[in-house]
Protein backbone atom coordinates (compact mmCIF):
# COMPACT_ATOMS: atom_id res chain seq x y z
CA MET A 1 17.66 -30.70 -41.47
CA GLU A 2 18.05 -30.59 -45.49
CA LYS A 3 21.10 -31.09 -47.20
CA MET A 4 22.63 -28.25 -49.55
CA SER A 5 21.77 -30.08 -52.42
CA ASP A 6 18.73 -30.45 -51.19
CA LEU A 7 18.06 -26.88 -50.74
CA SER A 8 19.78 -26.08 -53.73
CA SER A 9 17.42 -28.57 -55.98
CA ALA A 10 14.41 -26.87 -53.97
CA LYS A 11 15.13 -23.69 -55.28
CA GLY A 12 15.96 -24.43 -58.61
CA ILE A 13 19.99 -24.08 -58.48
CA SER A 14 21.88 -26.80 -59.50
CA SER A 15 24.55 -27.95 -57.23
CA GLU A 16 27.46 -27.40 -59.66
CA SER A 17 25.82 -23.86 -60.06
CA ALA A 18 25.63 -23.64 -56.24
CA ASN A 19 29.53 -24.62 -55.78
CA ASP A 20 30.71 -22.21 -58.97
CA SER A 21 29.24 -19.52 -57.19
CA PHE A 22 30.63 -20.49 -53.57
CA VAL A 23 34.24 -20.88 -55.79
CA LYS A 24 33.73 -17.33 -56.82
CA ARG A 25 32.68 -15.82 -53.42
CA ARG A 26 35.81 -17.50 -52.45
CA GLU A 27 38.11 -16.17 -55.28
CA GLU A 28 36.77 -12.61 -54.50
CA PHE A 29 37.32 -12.94 -50.85
CA LYS A 30 40.63 -13.88 -51.46
CA GLN A 31 41.30 -10.63 -53.79
CA ARG A 32 39.93 -8.51 -51.19
CA GLU A 33 42.48 -9.97 -48.93
CA LEU A 34 45.21 -9.27 -51.29
CA ASP A 35 43.88 -5.44 -52.12
CA ARG A 36 44.10 -4.82 -48.45
CA ASN A 37 47.82 -6.07 -48.16
CA ASP A 38 48.53 -4.03 -51.09
CA LYS A 39 46.61 -0.72 -49.67
CA ASP A 40 47.40 -1.18 -45.95
CA PRO A 41 51.19 -0.87 -44.79
CA CYS A 42 50.22 -1.90 -41.42
CA TYR A 43 48.08 -5.04 -42.65
CA GLU A 44 50.56 -7.30 -41.67
CA GLU A 45 51.05 -5.61 -37.83
CA GLY A 46 47.20 -6.13 -37.59
CA GLN A 47 46.77 -9.41 -38.69
CA MET A 48 49.95 -10.35 -35.96
CA ALA A 49 47.42 -8.86 -33.60
CA LEU A 50 44.77 -10.80 -34.47
CA ASP A 51 46.64 -13.82 -34.84
CA CYS A 52 47.87 -13.50 -30.81
CA LEU A 53 44.24 -12.80 -30.16
CA LYS A 54 43.16 -16.50 -31.59
CA GLN A 55 46.06 -18.12 -30.10
CA HIS A 56 45.27 -16.67 -26.59
CA MET A 57 41.61 -17.30 -26.65
CA TYR A 58 40.95 -13.43 -27.27
CA ASP A 59 42.49 -12.02 -23.51
CA LYS A 60 43.93 -8.52 -24.89
CA SER A 61 46.27 -8.49 -22.08
CA LYS A 62 48.44 -10.97 -23.76
CA CYS A 63 48.74 -9.38 -26.82
CA VAL A 64 49.30 -5.93 -25.49
CA LEU A 65 53.00 -5.27 -27.66
CA GLU A 66 51.34 -6.69 -30.85
CA PHE A 67 48.29 -3.86 -30.42
CA GLU A 68 50.98 -1.04 -29.61
CA ASN A 69 53.15 -2.33 -32.77
CA THR A 70 49.81 -1.74 -34.95
CA ARG A 71 48.91 1.51 -33.11
CA ALA A 72 52.46 2.80 -33.94
CA CYS A 73 52.51 1.48 -37.09
CA LYS A 74 49.19 3.31 -38.02
CA LYS A 75 50.32 6.50 -36.33
CA PHE A 76 53.46 6.63 -38.40
CA TRP A 77 51.64 6.38 -41.93
CA ASN A 78 48.91 8.67 -40.73
CA LYS A 79 51.55 11.21 -40.54
CA VAL A 80 53.63 10.22 -43.41
CA GLN A 81 50.31 10.72 -45.15
CA TRP A 82 49.72 14.16 -43.54
CA HIS A 83 52.82 15.42 -44.52
CA ARG A 84 52.64 14.64 -48.20
CA PHE A 85 48.93 16.11 -47.92
CA PHE A 86 50.41 19.57 -46.92
CA ASN A 87 53.32 19.55 -49.04
CA GLY A 88 51.14 18.53 -52.02
CA ILE A 89 52.41 15.28 -52.89
CA THR A 90 49.97 12.88 -54.47
CA PRO A 91 49.24 10.23 -53.65
CA LYS A 92 49.13 10.85 -49.67
CA MET A 93 49.64 6.88 -49.31
CA PRO A 94 52.55 6.09 -51.23
CA GLU A 95 52.22 2.72 -53.50
CA LYS A 96 53.32 -0.49 -51.61
CA GLU A 97 56.72 -0.78 -53.94
CA GLU A 98 57.56 2.86 -52.53
CA TRP A 99 56.98 1.80 -48.76
CA GLU A 100 60.19 0.88 -47.66
CA ALA A 101 62.16 4.10 -49.10
CA VAL A 102 59.42 6.07 -47.52
CA LYS A 103 59.88 4.06 -44.39
CA LYS A 104 63.63 5.09 -44.44
CA GLU A 105 63.22 8.65 -45.35
CA TYR A 106 60.36 9.75 -42.81
CA SER A 107 61.37 7.66 -40.04
CA LYS A 108 64.97 9.98 -39.72
CA TRP A 109 62.17 12.64 -38.87
CA ILE A 110 59.31 11.07 -37.69
CA SER A 111 59.52 10.08 -34.09
CA ASN A 112 56.35 7.90 -32.78
């Protein structure tokens, strides 16, 4: 099996260029993760469910609470979006800075 440097040189790509490309892709991936975290109010709940699956070797029966929590979160924010849409409030999904205030406001009348 050829080494990475051998493959890179065979294709006319320097190892430095390949390494720079890898670093660039890794940074882009990290930025997408940050963007998801800023746009998805249930990102942390989803990550906890995935971490639970990994910890319990993908046995879903051991992570029921985490998945219920994720579903409840998504259900809550879906109701918030529909309420804001029907009342002409834009954007439908509030900005991350507003999430805590919105949770307090809507949790008074939205029951899961």
